[in-house]
Amino acid sequence: MLDFTFTDQQLELQQKARKFAREQVLPVAAYYDETDQVPMEVLRAAYKEGILSGDIPKQYGGKGFGIIDGVIVTEEIAAACPGIATSVFDNSLGMEPLILCSNEPLKETYLPRIAGEFKLISFATSEPGMGSDVSGIQCRATPDGEDYILNGTKYWVTNGGIADYYSIFATVDPKSQHKGICAFLVERDWEGVKVGRTIPKMGQRCSNTVGVHFDNVRVPGTNVLAEPGQGFYLAMKTFSRTRPAIGAFSVGAARSAMEHAIEYVKQRRAFGTKIANFQSLQFKIAEMYQKVETSRLLTLKAAWEADNGMDPTLDASIAKLYASEAALEVANEALQIFGGFGYTKMFPVEKLLRDIRLFRIYEGTSEVQRLIVSGHALNSYQPVMPSMADLPLHREREPETANQPEDSESTAWRCRMCGYVHYGAEPPELCPYCFFPKTAFKDTSG
């Protein structure tokens, strides 16, 4: 049986996150977007409220939030500011490899520390020349006794300029691609760790993004998240559990764009009436609403699978793909409804549009998600319908009388090329439609 209702605890969490978003995130979002800075006081407040790092398991001193809980919180904060929501969520992304890894002493060292103090942790797979190809990592991890020596640069590191720790993915041999990838937990203040300047971005300006360089950084063997050959799988497992949150970012931001558009059409007048009375705008609002609702359902399904121990990879990709593209469409149409006002910074839609544009890129581009989904559809999906070669379309005889065992003349032969069905003891020498020989026919009498 399906149940689409949140628990009482989840509803309470939703209201808490909504209140936090409206009272502490929304009032400062425009200012920090303009100044291209991270509102550290908001992140600290999120930590005190239990919103940031809430997914640390209880056994390590955390609140034990599930993926659905994280999705609920993310939607609410993203509705107020997608950039600040990214900075809040990034602790979950940065911690996920640590939570998933098998290095129990490492978990016992760092997770209670992050739970008990205001600590930020970043996730770093991307590099300046790598793009979407995680197996193409060049950042080098050279074994040195039980330790590793890191050299190279990670790029697009969210919160990298303000983080205390990093989950770093590197390789012992770039030529071995995914077989050489490993992962480490690195502290920012270790010798050789260098943080680059803040990368200027079109949107998500309330979120810090930098490059992080490693110059002969010694990583103790105790800080290994994944041994060589296991890092790629840890990264992919991390993404499958964090991609639902990208759907939640998209839902929250698109919801705000829609709400602003609804308010505007109810107030704006043209040609002697409120523009909400124009059918063309009613259709736009309807499209927005269905996209927001559909995105939320897909996102929650993927989160539910993750929370219930299922492999969420496919549905997380579908949710991320659909929601991120739907959000861009919603925000774009919202700006269109606002007309010239929407194109100004005096109204909130242009910022939402700039912030939303990133969702189609990070944590795997829309193109990568399409590859994942098409790969499943073409190679793993098990169809319900029989093969077309086994499916005669009875047009010359009623299905009840066709293929009668006592009547050899009723045998149905289907041409595997054009689909023509022939009745008789033998197939025809040539198909009367496509002229393929009798060998092209298959007995479908079963």
Protein backbone atom coordinates (compact mmCIF):
# COMPACT_ATOMS: atom_id res chain seq x y z
CA MET A 1 0.00 0.00 0.00
CA LEU A 2 1.24 3.48 -0.82
CA ASP A 3 1.31 6.29 1.71
CA PHE A 4 2.23 9.83 0.66
CA THR A 5 1.97 11.41 4.11
CA PHE A 6 4.88 12.58 6.23
CA THR A 7 5.24 11.37 9.80
CA ASP A 8 4.49 13.77 12.64
CA GLN A 9 8.23 14.16 13.18
CA GLN A 10 8.78 14.98 9.52
CA LEU A 11 5.98 17.53 9.51
CA GLU A 12 7.53 19.14 12.57
CA LEU A 13 10.91 19.17 10.82
CA GLN A 14 9.33 20.73 7.73
CA GLN A 15 7.79 23.53 9.76
CA LYS A 16 11.07 24.10 11.57
CA ALA A 17 13.01 24.31 8.30
CA ARG A 18 10.33 26.55 6.75
CA LYS A 19 10.48 28.94 9.69
CA PHE A 20 14.27 28.99 9.54
CA ALA A 21 14.20 29.64 5.79
CA ARG A 22 11.76 32.52 6.02
CA GLU A 23 13.22 34.19 9.11
CA GLN A 24 16.96 33.66 8.72
CA VAL A 25 17.69 32.79 5.10
CA LEU A 26 15.30 34.89 3.03
CA PRO A 27 16.09 38.29 4.63
CA VAL A 28 19.83 38.05 3.84
CA ALA A 29 19.79 36.18 0.52
CA ALA A 30 19.77 39.22 -1.79
CA TYR A 31 22.58 40.95 0.13
CA TYR A 32 24.93 37.98 0.10
CA ASP A 33 24.10 37.26 -3.53
CA GLU A 34 25.11 40.83 -4.38
CA THR A 35 28.33 40.67 -2.34
CA ASP A 36 29.19 37.10 -3.46
CA GLN A 37 29.73 35.88 0.08
CA VAL A 38 28.63 33.00 2.29
CA PRO A 39 26.52 34.07 5.31
CA MET A 40 28.50 32.21 7.93
CA GLU A 41 26.13 33.31 10.70
CA VAL A 42 23.29 31.56 8.86
CA LEU A 43 25.31 28.34 8.61
CA ARG A 44 26.10 28.53 12.32
CA ALA A 45 22.43 29.10 13.06
CA ALA A 46 21.54 26.09 10.89
CA TYR A 47 23.96 24.00 12.94
CA LYS A 48 22.45 25.20 16.23
CA GLU A 49 18.95 24.39 14.91
CA GLY A 50 20.08 20.87 14.01
CA ILE A 51 19.47 21.48 10.32
CA LEU A 52 23.11 21.37 9.23
CA SER A 53 24.78 17.95 9.72
CA GLY A 54 21.50 16.46 10.95
CA ASP A 55 22.15 13.24 9.04
CA ILE A 56 25.02 12.07 11.25
CA PRO A 57 23.91 8.72 12.71
CA LYS A 58 22.80 8.78 16.34
CA GLN A 59 25.54 6.39 17.37
CA TYR A 60 28.06 9.14 16.58
CA GLY A 61 26.14 11.87 18.38
CA GLY A 62 23.99 13.02 15.44
CA LYS A 63 20.26 13.28 14.89
CA GLY A 64 20.10 10.38 12.46
CA PHE A 65 18.10 12.12 9.74
CA GLY A 66 17.25 9.96 6.76
CA ILE A 67 17.39 10.98 3.11
CA ILE A 68 13.69 11.94 3.13
CA ASP A 69 14.33 14.19 6.14
CA GLY A 70 17.19 15.84 4.28
CA VAL A 71 15.01 16.32 1.20
CA ILE A 72 12.31 17.99 3.30
CA VAL A 73 14.81 20.44 4.82
CA THR A 74 16.54 21.13 1.52
CA GLU A 75 13.33 22.03 -0.30
CA GLU A 76 12.40 24.60 2.33
CA ILE A 77 15.80 26.30 2.45
CA ALA A 78 16.18 26.26 -1.34
CA ALA A 79 12.82 28.01 -1.61
CA ALA A 80 14.38 30.95 0.24
CA CYS A 81 17.83 30.80 -1.36
CA PRO A 82 19.24 27.94 -3.46
CA GLY A 83 22.78 29.18 -2.86
CA ILE A 84 22.56 29.13 0.93
CA ALA A 85 20.77 25.78 0.69
CA THR A 86 23.76 24.46 -1.26
CA SER A 87 26.13 25.57 1.48
CA VAL A 88 23.96 23.91 4.14
CA PHE A 89 23.52 20.69 2.17
CA ASP A 90 27.20 20.42 1.26
CA ASN A 91 28.00 19.14 4.74
CA SER A 92 25.75 16.17 4.01
CA LEU A 93 27.50 15.58 0.70
CA GLY A 94 30.94 15.93 2.28
CA MET A 95 30.07 13.56 5.12
CA GLU A 96 28.37 10.89 3.03
CA PRO A 97 31.62 9.12 1.99
CA LEU A 98 32.65 9.08 5.66
CA ILE A 99 29.28 7.67 6.73
CA LEU A 100 29.36 5.04 3.97
CA CYS A 101 32.99 3.98 4.35
CA SER A 102 34.09 0.89 6.29
CA ASN A 103 36.79 2.70 8.29
CA GLU A 104 35.10 2.61 11.69
CA PRO A 105 37.92 4.30 13.65
CA LEU A 106 37.81 7.20 11.18
CA LYS A 107 34.07 7.57 11.69
CA GLU A 108 34.49 7.51 15.46
CA THR A 109 37.12 10.24 15.22
CA TYR A 110 35.43 12.74 12.92
CA LEU A 111 31.66 12.23 13.02
CA PRO A 112 31.29 13.04 16.76
CA ARG A 113 33.49 16.09 16.17
CA ILE A 114 31.28 17.35 13.35
CA ALA A 115 28.16 16.59 15.39
CA GLY A 116 29.42 18.28 18.51
CA GLU A 117 31.04 21.37 16.98
CA PHE A 118 30.36 23.72 14.08
CA LYS A 119 32.55 21.98 11.50
CA LEU A 120 32.23 22.06 7.72
CA ILE A 121 33.29 19.28 5.37
CA SER A 122 33.51 19.45 1.58
CA PHE A 123 33.29 16.82 -1.13
CA ALA A 124 35.82 16.89 -3.98
CA THR A 125 35.88 14.69 -7.06
CA SER A 126 35.96 17.30 -9.84
CA GLU A 127 39.14 18.70 -11.35
CA PRO A 128 39.88 21.55 -13.80
CA GLY A 129 40.18 19.21 -16.79
CA MET A 130 38.00 16.30 -15.74
CA GLY A 131 34.39 17.32 -16.31
CA SER A 132 31.82 14.57 -15.81
CA ASP A 133 34.32 11.73 -16.18
CA VAL A 134 35.00 10.69 -12.59
CA SER A 135 37.22 7.84 -13.84
CA GLY A 136 39.48 10.50 -15.37
CA ILE A 137 40.77 11.79 -12.01
CA GLN A 138 44.39 13.00 -12.19
CA CYS A 139 44.97 14.09 -8.58
CA ARG A 140 47.69 11.67 -7.53
CA ALA A 141 47.89 9.61 -4.35
CA THR A 142 51.31 8.00 -4.03
CA PRO A 143 51.70 5.27 -1.41
CA ASP A 144 54.43 5.95 1.13
CA GLY A 145 54.54 3.19 3.70
CA GLU A 146 51.13 3.14 5.35
CA ASP A 147 50.51 6.76 4.31
CA TYR A 148 49.76 8.45 1.00
CA ILE A 149 51.22 11.61 -0.54
CA LEU A 150 48.65 13.78 -2.34
CA ASN A 151 49.53 15.99 -5.31
CA GLY A 152 47.12 17.75 -7.63
CA THR A 153 44.15 20.07 -7.72
CA LYS A 154 40.45 19.59 -7.07
CA TYR A 155 38.06 22.17 -8.54
CA TRP A 156 34.46 23.32 -8.08
CA VAL A 157 34.78 22.47 -4.39
CA THR A 158 31.63 23.76 -2.70
CA ASN A 159 32.40 25.29 0.71
CA GLY A 160 36.05 24.55 -0.02
CA GLY A 161 37.13 28.00 1.14
CA ILE A 162 35.40 27.69 4.50
CA ALA A 163 35.60 23.95 5.16
CA ASP A 164 37.55 22.31 7.99
CA TYR A 165 37.75 18.92 6.25
CA TYR A 166 37.62 17.49 2.74
CA SER A 167 36.51 14.15 1.32
CA ILE A 168 39.08 13.88 -1.46
CA PHE A 169 39.02 11.43 -4.35
CA ALA A 170 42.37 10.75 -6.01
CA THR A 171 44.11 7.97 -7.93
CA VAL A 172 47.22 5.88 -7.51
CA ASP A 173 47.46 5.54 -11.30
CA PRO A 174 45.60 7.82 -13.75
CA LYS A 175 46.00 5.25 -16.54
CA SER A 176 44.02 2.65 -14.60
CA GLN A 177 40.96 4.94 -14.54
CA HIS A 178 38.33 3.80 -12.01
CA LYS A 179 40.48 0.88 -10.83
CA GLY A 180 43.00 3.26 -9.30
CA ILE A 181 40.65 5.67 -7.56
CA CYS A 182 40.85 5.98 -3.79
CA ALA A 183 39.50 8.46 -1.24
CA PHE A 184 40.76 10.23 1.87
CA LEU A 185 39.59 12.53 4.62
CA VAL A 186 41.95 15.52 4.60
CA GLU A 187 42.13 18.35 7.10
CA ARG A 188 42.44 21.87 5.75
CA ASP A 189 45.24 22.93 8.09
CA TRP A 190 47.58 20.11 7.04
CA GLU A 191 50.84 21.23 5.48
CA GLY A 192 50.62 21.52 1.69
CA VAL A 193 46.86 22.17 1.46
CA LYS A 194 46.25 25.40 -0.46
CA VAL A 195 42.84 26.98 -1.04
CA GLY A 196 42.30 29.09 -4.16
CA ARG A 197 40.34 32.28 -4.63
CA THR A 198 36.55 32.18 -4.66
CA ILE A 199 35.38 31.34 -8.17
CA PRO A 200 33.05 34.10 -9.50
CA LYS A 201 29.79 32.53 -10.66
CA MET A 202 26.62 33.56 -12.50
CA GLY A 203 24.41 32.24 -9.70
CA GLN A 204 24.65 30.39 -6.40
CA ARG A 205 26.71 33.35 -5.22
CA CYS A 206 25.75 32.73 -1.58
CA SER A 207 27.68 29.46 -1.85
CA ASN A 208 31.46 29.34 -1.72
CA THR A 209 33.21 27.55 -4.60
CA VAL A 210 37.00 27.23 -4.91
CA GLY A 211 39.85 25.10 -6.12
CA VAL A 212 41.93 23.20 -3.56
CA HIS A 213 45.55 22.32 -4.35
CA PHE A 214 47.63 19.59 -2.71
CA ASP A 215 51.38 19.93 -2.68
CA ASN A 216 52.98 16.81 -1.19
CA VAL A 217 50.26 16.51 1.44
CA ARG A 218 50.85 13.52 3.69
CA VAL A 219 47.65 11.65 4.48
CA PRO A 220 47.90 9.09 7.30
CA GLY A 221 46.75 5.62 6.46
CA THR A 222 44.17 6.01 9.20
CA ASN A 223 42.40 8.63 7.08
CA VAL A 224 41.68 6.39 4.10
CA LEU A 225 38.01 6.44 3.13
CA ALA A 226 38.43 3.99 0.27
CA GLU A 227 41.41 1.90 -0.81
CA PRO A 228 42.57 2.03 -4.46
CA GLY A 229 39.92 0.47 -6.64
CA GLN A 230 37.13 1.21 -4.18
CA GLY A 231 37.02 4.99 -4.48
CA PHE A 232 34.99 5.06 -7.68
CA TYR A 233 32.28 2.90 -6.15
CA LEU A 234 32.21 5.04 -3.02
CA ALA A 235 31.76 8.16 -5.15
CA MET A 236 28.95 6.58 -7.17
CA LYS A 237 27.20 5.30 -4.04
CA THR A 238 27.51 8.77 -2.54
CA PHE A 239 25.92 10.38 -5.60
CA SER A 240 23.06 7.88 -5.64
CA ARG A 241 22.18 8.96 -2.09
CA THR A 242 22.74 12.70 -2.52
CA ARG A 243 21.17 13.27 -5.95
CA PRO A 244 17.64 13.25 -4.49
CA ALA A 245 18.66 16.44 -2.68
CA ILE A 246 19.41 18.09 -6.04
CA GLY A 247 15.82 17.27 -6.93
CA ALA A 248 14.78 18.92 -3.66
CA PHE A 249 16.82 22.03 -4.47
CA SER A 250 14.98 22.22 -7.76
CA VAL A 251 11.56 21.68 -6.16
CA GLY A 252 12.09 24.40 -3.57
CA ALA A 253 13.42 26.98 -6.00
CA ALA A 254 10.78 26.20 -8.63
CA ARG A 255 8.07 26.38 -5.98
CA SER A 256 9.16 29.89 -5.05
CA ALA A 257 9.24 31.01 -8.69
CA MET A 258 5.74 29.62 -9.13
CA GLU A 259 4.43 31.28 -5.98
CA HIS A 260 5.84 34.65 -7.05
CA ALA A 261 4.23 34.23 -10.47
CA ILE A 262 0.85 33.34 -8.93
CA GLU A 263 0.96 36.42 -6.73
CA TYR A 264 1.92 38.62 -9.66
CA VAL A 265 -0.85 37.47 -12.01
CA LYS A 266 -3.42 38.02 -9.25
CA GLN A 267 -2.30 41.62 -8.77
CA ARG A 268 -1.19 42.81 -12.21
CA ARG A 269 -3.84 44.33 -14.44
CA ALA A 270 -3.86 44.73 -18.21
CA PHE A 271 -6.58 45.42 -20.76
CA GLY A 272 -9.02 46.21 -17.98
CA THR A 273 -8.68 42.98 -15.97
CA LYS A 274 -6.29 41.00 -13.80
CA ILE A 275 -3.91 39.05 -15.99
CA ALA A 276 -4.82 35.93 -13.98
CA ASN A 277 -7.99 35.93 -16.12
CA PHE A 278 -5.97 35.37 -19.30
CA GLN A 279 -6.14 31.73 -20.32
CA SER A 280 -2.58 31.80 -21.66
CA LEU A 281 -1.28 32.68 -18.20
CA GLN A 282 -3.56 30.16 -16.52
CA PHE A 283 -1.98 27.50 -18.71
CA LYS A 284 1.50 28.65 -17.68
CA ILE A 285 0.57 28.43 -14.01
CA ALA A 286 -0.88 24.95 -14.56
CA GLU A 287 2.34 23.80 -16.22
CA MET A 288 4.39 25.22 -13.36
CA TYR A 289 2.26 23.52 -10.73
CA GLN A 290 2.36 20.08 -12.34
CA LYS A 291 6.13 20.29 -12.79
CA VAL A 292 6.69 21.19 -9.15
CA GLU A 293 4.39 18.39 -7.95
CA THR A 294 5.87 15.81 -10.32
CA SER A 295 9.41 16.78 -9.33
CA ARG A 296 8.60 16.42 -5.65
CA LEU A 297 7.09 12.96 -6.11
CA LEU A 298 10.09 11.72 -8.10
CA THR A 299 12.46 13.16 -5.52
CA LEU A 300 10.64 11.58 -2.59
CA LYS A 301 10.52 8.21 -4.34
CA ALA A 302 14.30 8.20 -4.78
CA ALA A 303 14.80 9.33 -1.18
CA TRP A 304 12.40 6.64 0.06
CA GLU A 305 14.36 3.96 -1.81
CA ALA A 306 17.60 5.16 -0.22
CA ASP A 307 16.09 5.17 3.26
CA ASN A 308 14.74 1.65 2.79
CA GLY A 309 18.03 0.08 1.76
CA MET A 310 17.20 -0.15 -1.94
CA ASP A 311 19.52 0.96 -4.72
CA PRO A 312 18.27 4.47 -5.57
CA THR A 313 20.69 5.07 -8.46
CA LEU A 314 18.17 4.97 -11.30
CA ASP A 315 15.36 6.88 -9.63
CA ALA A 316 17.82 9.40 -8.17
CA SER A 317 19.02 10.10 -11.71
CA ILE A 318 15.45 10.41 -12.98
CA ALA A 319 14.54 12.77 -10.14
CA LYS A 320 17.64 14.89 -10.60
CA LEU A 321 17.18 15.03 -14.38
CA TYR A 322 13.49 15.85 -14.40
CA ALA A 323 13.42 18.23 -11.44
CA SER A 324 16.45 20.27 -12.51
CA GLU A 325 15.15 20.78 -16.03
CA ALA A 326 11.58 21.41 -14.87
CA ALA A 327 12.80 24.02 -12.38
CA LEU A 328 14.61 25.91 -15.11
CA GLU A 329 11.45 25.90 -17.22
CA VAL A 330 9.33 27.08 -14.29
CA ALA A 331 11.68 29.94 -13.41
CA ASN A 332 12.01 30.97 -17.04
CA GLU A 333 8.23 31.13 -17.48
CA ALA A 334 7.88 32.98 -14.18
CA LEU A 335 10.27 35.64 -15.45
CA GLN A 336 8.26 35.82 -18.68
CA ILE A 337 5.08 36.44 -16.68
CA PHE A 338 6.78 39.28 -14.83
CA GLY A 339 7.88 40.78 -18.13
CA GLY A 340 10.43 43.57 -17.81
CA PHE A 341 10.08 43.62 -14.03
CA GLY A 342 11.21 40.00 -13.89
CA TYR A 343 14.44 40.92 -15.65
CA THR A 344 15.39 43.38 -12.91
CA LYS A 345 17.10 42.68 -9.61
CA MET A 346 14.26 44.41 -7.78
CA PHE A 347 12.21 41.24 -8.10
CA PRO A 348 13.34 37.77 -6.92
CA VAL A 349 12.80 35.74 -10.09
CA GLU A 350 16.04 36.65 -11.87
CA LYS A 351 18.08 35.37 -8.91
CA LEU A 352 16.12 32.14 -8.80
CA LEU A 353 16.73 31.68 -12.52
CA ARG A 354 20.47 32.25 -12.09
CA ASP A 355 20.67 29.90 -9.11
CA ILE A 356 18.56 27.18 -10.71
CA ARG A 357 20.70 27.02 -13.84
CA LEU A 358 23.42 25.17 -11.93
CA PHE A 359 21.18 22.23 -11.05
CA ARG A 360 21.50 20.83 -14.59
CA ILE A 361 25.28 20.73 -14.15
CA TYR A 362 26.47 19.74 -10.69
CA GLU A 363 26.45 16.22 -9.26
CA GLY A 364 26.29 14.91 -12.79
CA THR A 365 24.99 16.88 -15.76
CA SER A 366 21.61 16.25 -17.33
CA GLU A 367 23.46 14.50 -20.14
CA VAL A 368 25.08 12.09 -17.67
CA GLN A 369 21.70 11.36 -16.10
CA ARG A 370 20.30 10.57 -19.55
CA LEU A 371 23.15 8.11 -20.09
CA ILE A 372 22.34 6.40 -16.79
CA VAL A 373 18.62 6.18 -17.56
CA SER A 374 19.08 5.09 -21.18
CA GLY A 375 21.65 2.50 -20.10
CA HIS A 376 19.08 0.99 -17.75
CA ALA A 377 16.28 1.12 -20.33
CA LEU A 378 18.39 -0.48 -23.06
CA ASN A 379 20.33 -3.05 -21.02
CA SER A 380 18.65 -3.84 -17.71
CA TYR A 381 14.95 -3.07 -18.03
CA GLN A 382 12.78 -6.18 -18.30
CA PRO A 383 9.80 -5.56 -20.62
CA VAL A 384 6.34 -6.80 -19.70
CA MET A 385 5.03 -7.16 -23.25
CA PRO A 386 6.17 -10.13 -25.35
CA SER A 387 8.56 -9.67 -28.23
CA MET A 388 6.90 -8.24 -31.33
CA ALA A 389 8.06 -11.34 -33.21
CA ASP A 390 5.78 -13.36 -30.91
CA LEU A 391 2.84 -10.97 -31.16
CA PRO A 392 0.56 -11.65 -34.15
CA LEU A 393 -1.90 -8.85 -34.79
CA HIS A 394 -4.98 -10.79 -35.89
CA ARG A 395 -6.62 -8.68 -38.56
CA GLU A 396 -7.94 -11.39 -40.90
CA ARG A 397 -9.32 -13.76 -38.26
CA GLU A 398 -10.86 -13.33 -34.84
CA PRO A 399 -8.37 -14.08 -32.05
CA GLU A 400 -10.74 -16.73 -30.60
CA THR A 401 -10.63 -18.78 -33.78
CA ALA A 402 -7.01 -18.21 -34.75
CA ASN A 403 -4.30 -20.73 -33.88
CA GLN A 404 -6.73 -23.61 -33.27
CA PRO A 405 -4.64 -26.76 -32.63
CA GLU A 406 -6.99 -28.98 -34.67
CA ASP A 407 -6.77 -26.75 -37.71
CA SER A 408 -3.30 -26.73 -39.25
CA GLU A 409 -4.47 -24.10 -41.72
CA SER A 410 -4.92 -21.71 -38.78
CA THR A 411 -1.23 -21.57 -37.90
CA ALA A 412 -0.23 -17.90 -37.63
CA TRP A 413 3.09 -16.97 -39.21
CA ARG A 414 4.43 -13.47 -38.55
CA CYS A 415 6.94 -11.80 -40.83
CA ARG A 416 9.75 -10.60 -38.60
CA MET A 417 10.55 -7.81 -41.02
CA CYS A 418 7.25 -6.05 -41.71
CA GLY A 419 4.85 -7.72 -39.23
CA TYR A 420 2.43 -9.28 -41.77
CA VAL A 421 0.56 -12.30 -40.34
CA HIS A 422 -0.05 -15.25 -42.68
CA TYR A 423 -2.41 -18.16 -41.87
CA GLY A 424 -1.66 -21.60 -43.19
CA ALA A 425 0.24 -24.84 -42.68
CA GLU A 426 3.37 -23.21 -44.07
CA PRO A 427 4.54 -19.62 -44.43
CA PRO A 428 4.41 -18.10 -47.91
CA GLU A 429 7.43 -18.35 -50.17
CA LEU A 430 7.62 -14.55 -50.20
CA CYS A 431 6.00 -11.97 -47.96
CA PRO A 432 3.37 -10.18 -50.09
CA TYR A 433 4.32 -6.85 -48.45
CA CYS A 434 8.10 -6.70 -48.02
CA PHE A 435 9.07 -9.68 -50.27
CA PHE A 436 11.31 -11.26 -47.66
CA PRO A 437 11.59 -15.08 -48.05
CA LYS A 438 9.70 -17.63 -45.96
CA THR A 439 12.67 -17.87 -43.58
CA ALA A 440 11.67 -14.42 -42.28
CA PHE A 441 8.42 -15.85 -40.89
CA LYS A 442 7.99 -17.14 -37.35
CA ASP A 443 5.35 -19.53 -36.05
CA THR A 444 3.47 -17.59 -33.37
CA SER A 445 0.79 -20.19 -32.65
CA GLY A 446 2.54 -20.86 -29.35
